[in-house]
């Protein structure tokens, strides 16, 4: 058995993957006629890399954004039954809209308000056009990003975002991190998240499969068109990084070189398995590491357990023209901890400044330093640099990247080069 774990050990014996799927049951496995033929890898039965669940989530978005006239929305909602009952072949009855516009608004501007009502009704009836996005998750996140940063929703819906300019936060002499590092903070008083189990992978957390391939992997039959999912509600704080400062900082040669180390370490095992290369940028590493540090600090300040908080990263990797750089820290644990209300309160001016300051200051020294901050690679496949269990790692349920792609140096700089840190950069 000593050589069983060696590379190509089973292939040399002529044993390859049969394509069987025993997790679907004996009957489903018996119907499988596809011989995979891929190389098999031997791992221990209880190894941690035998099973990685693949969960995809989305934030509920309201039908209206902040730019929609609230009076139009109010009139439309109150008279929706009358207006929608007149639909024929998917088209609204314009006469009904003219009648409501004349009754509820200035009769002299009936045509103007009729068109406004028709446009809003069409948006309400159709909802956001998501089909154009296909299976691309980043495009979905771009839409979420726009809703969050625009201050959309209301207290009557399952989404309510309040945007606050970074300039509204205090600028004390030792506490100007928010004004210097961010363009805005958004308080999500209410949010609703849907999480769906879409499959699992072996050996590596990301198997390179698209959503449809993952669903086929776990389907019991071709007629099944649903996935197991759960809906949870909570609150959150969104940090929108300063685009101008981030652009200047990310162009530094020492920052690019450091990001390339993580990118190489992350992509080597992917390419060895024939999977596509994933671009890892300095912006992504910075935002991801900041999310971990602020979650740790929120758990101290708000009383939430760190496992009850989650990150949702908004950083354009595949489509740089989308220009989004931010992170949502939210509670969506599905129990009473998700409704305490403390997270939004701590995100308000007068409270958040101290939390951000303490998070950055605590990151300046790890109990494993200088070993940690001088590390050339640690964690799975050396996919972390200055980040370990003593400073930046979180419970697996909090992190979207399986506790990889972290580096404190991006925020606070190196021992011999403090200026490379984003919050030290001027």
Protein backbone atom coordinates (compact mmCIF):
# COMPACT_ATOMS: atom_id res chain seq x y z
CA UNK A 1 0.00 0.00 0.00
CA UNK A 2 2.99 2.28 0.38
CA UNK A 3 3.05 3.21 -3.29
CA UNK A 4 -0.71 3.61 -3.68
CA UNK A 5 -0.54 7.33 -2.90
CA UNK A 6 2.17 8.00 -5.48
CA UNK A 7 1.37 10.03 -8.58
CA UNK A 8 -0.02 7.96 -11.51
CA UNK A 9 -0.06 4.83 -9.31
CA UNK A 10 -3.49 3.65 -10.51
CA UNK A 11 -2.96 4.78 -14.10
CA UNK A 12 0.17 2.63 -14.30
CA UNK A 13 -2.02 -0.35 -13.36
CA UNK A 14 -4.52 0.49 -16.12
CA UNK A 15 -7.18 1.72 -13.67
CA UNK A 16 -9.05 4.89 -14.66
CA UNK A 17 -12.32 6.53 -13.63
CA UNK A 18 -15.39 4.51 -14.62
CA UNK A 19 -17.71 7.51 -14.45
CA UNK A 20 -19.77 6.01 -11.64
CA UNK A 21 -21.74 8.24 -9.28
CA UNK A 22 -22.49 6.16 -6.19
CA UNK A 23 -23.78 9.23 -4.31
CA UNK A 24 -26.88 9.15 -6.56
CA UNK A 25 -27.87 5.68 -5.37
CA UNK A 26 -27.61 2.21 -6.90
CA UNK A 27 -30.34 2.66 -9.51
CA UNK A 28 -29.02 5.99 -10.81
CA UNK A 29 -25.47 4.66 -10.83
CA UNK A 30 -26.58 1.56 -12.74
CA UNK A 31 -28.08 3.72 -15.51
CA UNK A 32 -24.74 5.48 -16.03
CA UNK A 33 -23.17 4.38 -19.32
CA UNK A 34 -20.46 7.04 -19.61
CA UNK A 35 -16.88 5.90 -18.99
CA UNK A 36 -14.98 8.94 -17.73
CA UNK A 37 -11.45 7.67 -18.33
CA UNK A 38 -9.79 10.39 -16.26
CA UNK A 39 -6.88 9.63 -13.95
CA UNK A 40 -7.75 8.60 -10.39
CA UNK A 41 -6.00 9.97 -7.31
CA UNK A 42 -5.73 8.01 -4.06
CA UNK A 43 -6.57 9.89 -0.85
CA UNK A 44 -7.37 8.75 2.66
CA UNK A 45 -11.03 8.12 3.39
CA UNK A 46 -11.18 10.80 6.08
CA UNK A 47 -9.04 13.37 4.26
CA UNK A 48 -10.32 16.94 4.27
CA UNK A 49 -10.00 17.23 0.49
CA UNK A 50 -12.36 14.33 -0.30
CA UNK A 51 -15.41 16.59 -0.33
CA UNK A 52 -15.85 20.32 -0.93
CA UNK A 53 -19.45 21.49 -1.08
CA UNK A 54 -20.30 23.99 -3.81
CA UNK A 55 -22.83 26.58 -2.65
CA UNK A 56 -23.95 29.57 -4.69
CA UNK A 57 -25.85 32.47 -3.18
CA UNK A 58 -27.55 35.67 -4.28
CA UNK A 59 -28.94 38.76 -2.58
CA UNK A 60 -32.58 39.65 -3.21
CA UNK A 61 -32.87 42.87 -5.24
CA UNK A 62 -35.98 45.09 -5.06
CA UNK A 63 -37.92 46.02 -8.16
CA UNK A 64 -37.22 49.69 -7.66
CA UNK A 65 -33.98 51.57 -7.21
CA UNK A 66 -33.49 54.97 -5.62
CA UNK A 67 -34.01 56.84 -8.91
CA UNK A 68 -37.61 55.64 -9.25
CA UNK A 69 -40.20 58.24 -8.22
CA UNK A 70 -41.64 57.11 -4.87
CA UNK A 71 -45.04 58.63 -5.72
CA UNK A 72 -45.19 56.55 -8.90
CA UNK A 73 -44.35 53.43 -6.90
CA UNK A 74 -46.99 54.19 -4.27
CA UNK A 75 -49.75 54.77 -6.85
CA UNK A 76 -48.74 51.69 -8.82
CA UNK A 77 -48.72 49.42 -5.76
CA UNK A 78 -52.12 50.63 -4.53
CA UNK A 79 -53.77 50.18 -7.94
CA UNK A 80 -51.84 47.15 -9.19
CA UNK A 81 -54.84 44.84 -9.13
CA UNK A 82 -56.91 47.15 -11.36
CA UNK A 83 -54.02 47.85 -13.72
CA UNK A 84 -52.76 44.28 -14.09
CA UNK A 85 -56.24 42.80 -14.66
CA UNK A 86 -56.40 44.69 -17.94
CA UNK A 87 -53.44 42.86 -19.48
CA UNK A 88 -54.06 41.16 -22.84
CA UNK A 89 -51.35 39.01 -24.45
CA UNK A 90 -48.82 40.39 -21.98
CA UNK A 91 -49.65 44.04 -22.76
CA UNK A 92 -51.17 46.55 -20.37
CA UNK A 93 -54.40 48.43 -21.11
CA UNK A 94 -53.24 52.03 -21.59
CA UNK A 95 -56.73 53.41 -20.92
CA UNK A 96 -56.59 52.13 -17.35
CA UNK A 97 -53.25 53.85 -16.81
CA UNK A 98 -54.60 57.10 -18.24
CA UNK A 99 -57.53 56.92 -15.83
CA UNK A 100 -55.27 56.42 -12.80
CA UNK A 101 -52.87 59.15 -13.99
CA UNK A 102 -55.75 61.61 -14.31
CA UNK A 103 -57.11 60.75 -10.86
CA UNK A 104 -53.87 60.66 -8.89
CA UNK A 105 -51.76 63.31 -10.65
CA UNK A 106 -52.14 66.64 -12.42
CA UNK A 107 -54.75 66.13 -15.20
CA UNK A 108 -52.83 68.56 -17.43
CA UNK A 109 -49.85 66.16 -17.35
CA UNK A 110 -51.87 62.98 -17.85
CA UNK A 111 -49.79 61.71 -20.77
CA UNK A 112 -46.52 62.29 -18.91
CA UNK A 113 -47.62 60.35 -15.82
CA UNK A 114 -49.27 57.66 -17.94
CA UNK A 115 -45.91 56.90 -19.56
CA UNK A 116 -44.20 56.97 -16.15
CA UNK A 117 -46.72 54.48 -14.76
CA UNK A 118 -46.46 52.22 -17.82
CA UNK A 119 -42.66 52.16 -17.60
CA UNK A 120 -42.73 51.33 -13.89
CA UNK A 121 -45.41 48.67 -14.44
CA UNK A 122 -43.30 47.03 -17.14
CA UNK A 123 -40.35 46.91 -14.78
CA UNK A 124 -42.48 45.47 -11.98
CA UNK A 125 -44.00 42.84 -14.26
CA UNK A 126 -40.75 41.69 -15.87
CA UNK A 127 -38.25 42.20 -13.06
CA UNK A 128 -34.51 42.55 -13.75
CA UNK A 129 -33.35 41.06 -17.05
CA UNK A 130 -30.97 38.40 -15.79
CA UNK A 131 -31.04 36.06 -18.78
CA UNK A 132 -28.35 38.07 -20.56
CA UNK A 133 -25.91 37.19 -17.78
CA UNK A 134 -26.15 33.44 -18.34
CA UNK A 135 -23.93 31.53 -15.93
CA UNK A 136 -21.62 34.46 -15.16
CA UNK A 137 -21.72 35.17 -11.43
CA UNK A 138 -19.69 38.37 -11.67
CA UNK A 139 -22.39 40.04 -13.78
CA UNK A 140 -24.98 39.17 -11.14
CA UNK A 141 -22.75 40.67 -8.48
CA UNK A 142 -22.37 43.83 -10.53
CA UNK A 143 -26.13 44.32 -10.34
CA UNK A 144 -26.06 43.72 -6.58
CA UNK A 145 -23.20 46.21 -6.29
CA UNK A 146 -25.21 48.89 -8.10
CA UNK A 147 -28.27 48.39 -5.91
CA UNK A 148 -26.24 48.45 -2.69
CA UNK A 149 -24.25 51.56 -3.57
CA UNK A 150 -27.29 53.46 -4.88
CA UNK A 151 -29.22 53.19 -1.62
CA UNK A 152 -32.09 51.14 -3.05
CA UNK A 153 -35.02 49.46 -1.34
CA UNK A 154 -37.22 50.42 1.59
CA UNK A 155 -38.18 49.24 5.06
CA UNK A 156 -41.23 47.49 3.55
CA UNK A 157 -39.06 45.21 1.40
CA UNK A 158 -36.46 42.53 2.08
CA UNK A 159 -33.75 44.91 0.90
CA UNK A 160 -33.01 48.34 2.32
CA UNK A 161 -29.66 50.05 1.70
CA UNK A 162 -28.63 53.43 3.11
CA UNK A 163 -25.57 54.97 1.46
CA UNK A 164 -23.37 57.26 3.57
CA UNK A 165 -20.48 59.21 2.07
CA UNK A 166 -17.10 58.53 3.66
CA UNK A 167 -16.76 62.28 4.22
CA UNK A 168 -19.55 62.12 6.82
CA UNK A 169 -17.38 60.04 9.13
CA UNK A 170 -15.23 61.81 11.70
CA UNK A 171 -11.74 62.91 10.78
CA UNK A 172 -9.87 62.91 14.07
CA UNK A 173 -6.09 63.18 13.83
CA UNK A 174 -5.43 59.48 14.43
CA UNK A 175 -8.63 58.17 12.91
CA UNK A 176 -9.06 59.13 9.26
CA UNK A 177 -8.91 55.62 7.80
CA UNK A 178 -12.47 55.68 6.47
CA UNK A 179 -12.12 59.05 4.74
CA UNK A 180 -8.75 58.09 3.26
CA UNK A 181 -9.52 54.52 2.25
CA UNK A 182 -13.18 54.43 1.23
CA UNK A 183 -15.55 56.43 -0.95
CA UNK A 184 -18.73 55.40 0.85
CA UNK A 185 -20.27 53.08 3.42
CA UNK A 186 -23.66 51.46 2.83
CA UNK A 187 -25.78 50.23 5.73
CA UNK A 188 -28.03 47.34 4.76
CA UNK A 189 -30.81 47.50 7.31
CA UNK A 190 -32.51 44.51 5.68
CA UNK A 191 -31.33 41.87 3.24
CA UNK A 192 -32.46 38.45 2.10
CA UNK A 193 -30.02 35.85 0.84
CA UNK A 194 -30.81 32.64 -1.03
CA UNK A 195 -28.20 29.88 -0.85
CA UNK A 196 -28.39 26.86 -3.13
CA UNK A 197 -26.36 23.66 -3.04
CA UNK A 198 -25.18 23.17 -6.62
CA UNK A 199 -22.78 20.25 -6.25
CA UNK A 200 -19.43 19.28 -4.79
CA UNK A 201 -15.83 18.80 -5.84
CA UNK A 202 -12.94 16.52 -4.94
CA UNK A 203 -9.31 17.35 -4.16
CA UNK A 204 -9.54 21.11 -4.87
CA UNK A 205 -12.25 23.51 -3.62
CA UNK A 206 -12.81 24.87 -7.14
CA UNK A 207 -13.20 22.17 -9.77
CA UNK A 208 -13.49 24.56 -12.73
CA UNK A 209 -16.97 23.34 -13.68
CA UNK A 210 -19.71 25.78 -14.63
CA UNK A 211 -23.08 25.82 -12.91
CA UNK A 212 -24.84 23.52 -15.39
CA UNK A 213 -22.07 20.91 -15.15
CA UNK A 214 -22.27 20.97 -11.36
CA UNK A 215 -26.04 20.50 -11.39
CA UNK A 216 -25.77 17.51 -13.72
CA UNK A 217 -23.30 16.02 -11.24
CA UNK A 218 -25.94 15.72 -8.51
CA UNK A 219 -29.21 15.31 -10.44
CA UNK A 220 -31.15 12.11 -9.82
CA UNK A 221 -33.00 12.44 -13.12
CA UNK A 222 -33.24 14.65 -16.21
CA UNK A 223 -36.72 15.88 -15.22
CA UNK A 224 -35.49 17.42 -11.97
CA UNK A 225 -35.11 21.19 -12.35
CA UNK A 226 -34.66 22.30 -8.74
CA UNK A 227 -31.85 22.54 -6.22
CA UNK A 228 -31.90 22.32 -2.42
CA UNK A 229 -31.78 25.89 -1.11
CA UNK A 230 -32.42 27.98 1.97
CA UNK A 231 -33.53 31.60 2.39
CA UNK A 232 -32.09 33.61 5.28
CA UNK A 233 -32.49 37.22 6.36
CA UNK A 234 -30.11 39.57 8.10
CA UNK A 235 -28.34 42.93 7.98
CA UNK A 236 -24.97 44.17 6.79
CA UNK A 237 -22.36 46.87 6.29
CA UNK A 238 -20.88 47.49 2.85
CA UNK A 239 -17.44 49.07 2.37
CA UNK A 240 -16.86 50.76 -0.99
CA UNK A 241 -13.14 51.35 -1.53
CA UNK A 242 -11.85 54.59 -3.05
CA UNK A 243 -11.41 53.87 -6.75
CA UNK A 244 -8.81 56.62 -7.21
CA UNK A 245 -6.58 55.57 -4.33
CA UNK A 246 -6.97 51.87 -5.13
CA UNK A 247 -5.90 52.45 -8.73
CA UNK A 248 -2.77 54.36 -7.71
CA UNK A 249 -1.84 51.86 -5.01
CA UNK A 250 -2.31 48.75 -7.17
CA UNK A 251 0.12 50.06 -9.81
CA UNK A 252 3.10 49.89 -7.45
CA UNK A 253 5.70 47.37 -8.59
CA UNK A 254 6.19 45.88 -5.12
CA UNK A 255 2.43 45.35 -4.80
CA UNK A 256 2.18 43.70 -8.22
CA UNK A 257 5.12 41.40 -7.46
CA UNK A 258 3.58 40.32 -4.15
CA UNK A 259 0.22 39.60 -5.77
CA UNK A 260 1.98 37.55 -8.45
CA UNK A 261 3.37 35.24 -5.75
CA UNK A 262 -0.13 34.34 -4.57
CA UNK A 263 -1.43 34.13 -8.14
CA UNK A 264 1.33 31.65 -9.05
CA UNK A 265 0.84 29.52 -5.94
CA UNK A 266 -2.93 29.46 -6.47
CA UNK A 267 -2.88 28.60 -10.17
CA UNK A 268 -0.13 25.94 -10.21
CA UNK A 269 -2.36 23.12 -8.87
CA UNK A 270 -5.25 24.31 -11.07
CA UNK A 271 -3.17 24.18 -14.22
CA UNK A 272 -1.76 20.80 -13.20
CA UNK A 273 -5.34 19.51 -13.25
CA UNK A 274 -6.02 21.11 -16.63
CA UNK A 275 -8.21 23.88 -15.22
CA UNK A 276 -8.33 27.42 -16.47
CA UNK A 277 -6.12 30.05 -14.91
CA UNK A 278 -7.77 32.55 -12.57
CA UNK A 279 -6.47 36.09 -12.41
CA UNK A 280 -5.65 37.19 -8.85
CA UNK A 281 -5.25 40.96 -8.51
CA UNK A 282 -3.83 43.13 -5.70
CA UNK A 283 -7.27 44.72 -5.28
CA UNK A 284 -8.89 41.35 -4.64
CA UNK A 285 -6.28 40.30 -2.07
CA UNK A 286 -6.60 43.64 -0.28
CA UNK A 287 -10.41 43.57 -0.12
CA UNK A 288 -10.50 39.92 0.91
CA UNK A 289 -7.96 40.39 3.72
CA UNK A 290 -9.73 43.52 4.96
CA UNK A 291 -12.99 41.53 5.11
CA UNK A 292 -11.39 38.95 7.40
CA UNK A 293 -9.89 41.57 9.70
CA UNK A 294 -13.10 43.58 9.99
CA UNK A 295 -15.16 40.44 10.67
CA UNK A 296 -12.84 39.60 13.55
CA UNK A 297 -13.24 43.13 14.90
CA UNK A 298 -17.03 43.16 14.44
CA UNK A 299 -17.26 39.94 16.46
CA UNK A 300 -15.60 41.77 19.36
CA UNK A 301 -17.56 45.01 19.02
CA UNK A 302 -21.04 43.66 18.21
CA UNK A 303 -21.18 40.44 20.19
CA UNK A 304 -21.73 38.27 17.12
CA UNK A 305 -19.82 35.03 16.88
CA UNK A 306 -17.43 35.27 13.93
CA UNK A 307 -19.12 32.21 12.38
CA UNK A 308 -22.38 34.20 12.25
CA UNK A 309 -20.85 36.83 9.95
CA UNK A 310 -20.09 36.32 6.27
CA UNK A 311 -18.21 38.13 3.54
CA UNK A 312 -19.40 38.87 0.02
CA UNK A 313 -16.64 40.26 -2.17
CA UNK A 314 -17.34 42.59 -5.08
CA UNK A 315 -14.18 42.88 -7.16
CA UNK A 316 -14.07 42.78 -10.95
CA UNK A 317 -11.70 40.01 -12.00
CA UNK A 318 -13.19 38.79 -15.27
CA UNK A 319 -14.64 42.11 -16.47
CA UNK A 320 -12.33 44.98 -15.36
CA UNK A 321 -14.59 47.52 -17.07
CA UNK A 322 -17.27 46.85 -14.44
CA UNK A 323 -15.12 48.79 -11.96
CA UNK A 324 -16.41 47.48 -8.64
CA UNK A 325 -14.29 47.21 -5.51
CA UNK A 326 -16.06 46.60 -2.24
CA UNK A 327 -17.08 44.03 0.33
CA UNK A 328 -20.31 43.30 2.17
CA UNK A 329 -20.07 42.02 5.74
CA UNK A 330 -23.44 40.66 6.76
CA UNK A 331 -25.32 38.44 9.16
CA UNK A 332 -27.29 35.68 7.53
CA UNK A 333 -26.90 32.81 9.94
CA UNK A 334 -30.56 31.82 9.80
CA UNK A 335 -31.09 32.01 13.56
CA UNK A 336 -31.76 34.72 16.13
CA UNK A 337 -28.20 36.05 15.84
CA UNK A 338 -29.00 37.39 12.39
CA UNK A 339 -31.57 39.84 13.72
CA UNK A 340 -29.86 41.48 16.70
CA UNK A 341 -29.48 44.81 14.91
CA UNK A 342 -26.00 45.52 16.23
CA UNK A 343 -24.15 45.41 12.92
CA UNK A 344 -25.94 48.34 11.29
CA UNK A 345 -25.71 50.36 14.49
CA UNK A 346 -21.94 49.87 14.61
CA UNK A 347 -21.69 50.91 10.96
CA UNK A 348 -23.01 54.41 11.62
CA UNK A 349 -20.81 57.52 11.88
CA UNK A 350 -19.35 57.80 15.35
CA UNK A 351 -19.03 54.04 15.78
CA UNK A 352 -17.44 52.61 12.64
CA UNK A 353 -14.34 54.82 12.74
CA UNK A 354 -13.05 53.16 15.92
CA UNK A 355 -13.84 49.66 14.65
CA UNK A 356 -11.92 50.14 11.39
CA UNK A 357 -9.03 51.78 13.24
CA UNK A 358 -8.80 48.92 15.75
CA UNK A 359 -9.02 46.29 13.00
CA UNK A 360 -6.06 47.81 11.15
CA UNK A 361 -4.02 48.40 14.30
CA UNK A 362 -4.57 44.83 15.51
CA UNK A 363 -3.37 43.57 12.13
CA UNK A 364 -0.03 45.32 12.48
CA UNK A 365 1.28 42.62 14.79
CA UNK A 366 0.52 38.90 14.84
CA UNK A 367 1.61 36.62 17.68
CA UNK A 368 3.44 34.56 15.03
CA UNK A 369 5.39 37.55 13.71
CA UNK A 370 7.96 37.96 12.30
CA UNK A 371 7.51 34.45 10.89
CA UNK A 372 3.99 35.20 9.66
CA UNK A 373 4.57 38.59 8.04
CA UNK A 374 7.81 37.43 6.37
CA UNK A 375 6.26 34.20 5.06
CA UNK A 376 6.71 33.40 1.38
CA UNK A 377 3.70 31.10 1.46
CA UNK A 378 1.60 29.28 4.04
CA UNK A 379 -1.72 27.46 4.21
CA UNK A 380 -3.15 25.19 1.48
CA UNK A 381 -0.81 25.21 -1.54
CA UNK A 382 0.96 28.24 0.02
CA UNK A 383 -1.98 30.39 -1.03
CA UNK A 384 -1.57 32.82 1.88
CA UNK A 385 1.34 35.11 2.65
CA UNK A 386 1.14 37.18 5.86
CA UNK A 387 -2.00 35.48 7.16
CA UNK A 388 -2.40 32.67 9.69
CA UNK A 389 -4.81 31.39 12.34
CA UNK A 390 -3.48 33.92 14.82
CA UNK A 391 -4.34 36.99 12.75
CA UNK A 392 -6.49 36.66 9.63
CA UNK A 393 -8.11 33.25 9.20
CA UNK A 394 -11.83 32.76 9.90
CA UNK A 395 -14.26 29.85 10.27
CA UNK A 396 -14.80 28.24 6.87
CA UNK A 397 -18.45 29.31 6.77
CA UNK A 398 -17.43 32.99 6.74
CA UNK A 399 -15.07 32.89 3.79
CA UNK A 400 -15.84 32.62 0.08
CA UNK A 401 -12.30 31.53 -0.77
CA UNK A 402 -11.71 28.70 1.72
CA UNK A 403 -9.32 30.87 3.78
CA UNK A 404 -6.98 31.39 0.83
CA UNK A 405 -5.65 34.50 -0.96
CA UNK A 406 -4.93 36.51 2.19
CA UNK A 407 -2.06 38.88 2.96
CA UNK A 408 -1.93 41.45 5.79
CA UNK A 409 0.96 43.20 4.08
CA UNK A 410 -1.44 44.59 1.49
CA UNK A 411 -3.10 46.60 4.26
CA UNK A 412 -0.36 47.50 6.73
CA UNK A 413 2.86 47.05 4.73
CA UNK A 414 5.95 44.95 5.39
CA UNK A 415 8.35 45.38 8.31
CA UNK A 416 10.98 46.86 6.00
CA UNK A 417 8.50 48.62 3.69
CA UNK A 418 5.48 50.01 5.60
CA UNK A 419 4.49 52.33 2.75
CA UNK A 420 3.31 49.44 0.57
CA UNK A 421 0.27 48.98 2.83
CA UNK A 422 -2.96 50.45 1.43
CA UNK A 423 -3.81 52.23 4.67
CA UNK A 424 -0.27 53.66 4.87
CA UNK A 425 -0.18 54.69 1.22
CA UNK A 426 -0.57 58.42 0.52
